[in-house]
Amino acid sequence: MILALILLIVGGTVAGSMLYGRLRQQRARSMEDWALGGRKLGTLVFWFLNAGEIYTTFAVLGISGFSWAYGAPAYLAFCSVSLAAAVGYWLTPLIHAYGRQHGLVTQADFFAHRYSARWLGVCVAAAGLVALVVYVQIQLTALSLVVRLAAGPQVSPAAAALVAVVLMLLFVFLAGLRSAAFAAGVKDVLMLIVVIALAATIADAVGERSILGVFSAVAERFPQAVRFPGLKPELGLDVTWLVTSAINVALGTYIFPHMFQLCFSADSGDTIRRNAVFQPIYSLSYFFVILLGFAALLAGTQAPGGDPNALLLAFVGERYPAWMLGLLAGTASLLALVPGGVLLLTCGAIFGRNIVRPLVPAMDEGRELLVSRLSMIGFAGIALYLTLGAGGSLVEIGLSAYAAIGMLAPGVYCAFLLRRTSAAAVLAGLATGYAVLWVPMLGTLAGRWFPHWEMGLVALIANAVVTVAVSLCRPLPAPSA
């Protein structure tokens, strides 16, 4: 039954996505059609696609497992989404307007055009690809868990991950951005149904009278779980870590290259603003997701192999009928396939347009589109390699992706706030930020100066200080005629 439900949900959604895409637009003949949906996404389609990129397996499997393993630090999910929406209300319409005015397709296009430096666009493209591949890794990790659940424990993690890669590539090759928007809508509706259904019955499942009773029981039996620094105080996940992590996530959410392309795809700035106003409503679902992790803690559920990412699937498998596990697994598949597909699509667009095309200027748009599509196979392979060699929770992997992409944030914000910012200033900031983030000696020093801070935010601040300082040393450019 579990396998049948997974196939029904995923197969039905993919078929509906393809039909929707065919009805709404002709076969993609240009990068703009393929990567941006023709810049025609309206309010409802944009809403679901934006939510689809924010509410992934990170949000459900990751946060529930994180609350089970760490406790209160999972509250990060509540504040980061709302803060990101506040930042996005100001930032994303500016990105949209600039991209539409100048016919931009990728984030690297934005940097190359705004700072009049194609070489900076290549550097930004490479940096963006690193963060995107890490984010694809999150989706592959979760999808491979579902594959093992459906096929049985006899399937090795490596084989499950390989099947997950093939499924994700099939999805993105069969769908474009507009088709992915349809799948995102189905995914979000199913996610809300599953989360609310589980939350409504969770008290009975663990022998409590109400949802509040579950929290009370956790506070009584596991008092460290409901207050900072949580169940593992030695890690230093205290209030300082929460605040700095939430700020870093908020500043970095719309800096991801796929979020840039999403902004470019909207039909108007009003569409984006409406989305930012109502997007925080989704953060209410995190209350129920964290509740599920706490309930698993009460029930004594053990994550298979100690992997917190598999916790929710294991808990539902223990306490609910097979059809509910199948519904959750099918929904989790979409939670991985939809954003993973869009991430790979973005990787392909960046590679073809901003890495290969500068090297082969004579390449026409048809060849660029072909190169972009084929390159997705390579990026999927890199994500597969990372998935096989990495461990840790989806939340930890996600925060590492936010730290990496956050290095591009000063260049984006200064593009709209500080006219005199130059390409050299952005590059100096990038070099400084990545050094703090990745050079062990500098990271250790920063950790001593800023104890319990999210290191991504420390590196971002260092980046921003250098970017602004170098910019202020440059004369203010003359206003354009």
Foldseek 3Di string as FASTA:
>chain_A
DLLVLLCCLVVVLLVVLLVQQVVPDPDDPFLCCFQQVVLADFQLLLLLLLVLQVQFLCLFLQLLLCLLVFAPLSCLLQQLQLLLLVVLLPQLQVLQVVCVVVVDQWPLSVLCVLQVHLVLSLVLLVLLLVLLLLVLLLLLLLQLLLQCVNVDVVQDSLNSSVVLLVVLLVSLVSHGSSSLSSLSVSLVVLVVVLLVVCQQCLCVLLVHDHLVRLVVVCCVPPVQNHAPPGPCCVVLNHPQASVQLSVLSSLQVCLRTLNSNSSNNHNHSVSSNVSSVPVSVVSVSSVSSSSLSSSLSSNVQAAVVNASSRRSLRSCVVRHDSVSSSSVSSSNNSSSNSNSSSSLLNSLLSCLPSPVCVVVVVDDRNVSVVSSSVCSSVSSVVSSVCSVPDGDGSVVSNSVSSLSSLLCSLVSVCSPVPSLQHSVLSVVLSVQLVCCVPVVVNVVVVCVVSPSRSSSSVSSVSSNVSRVVVSVVGDRDDDDD
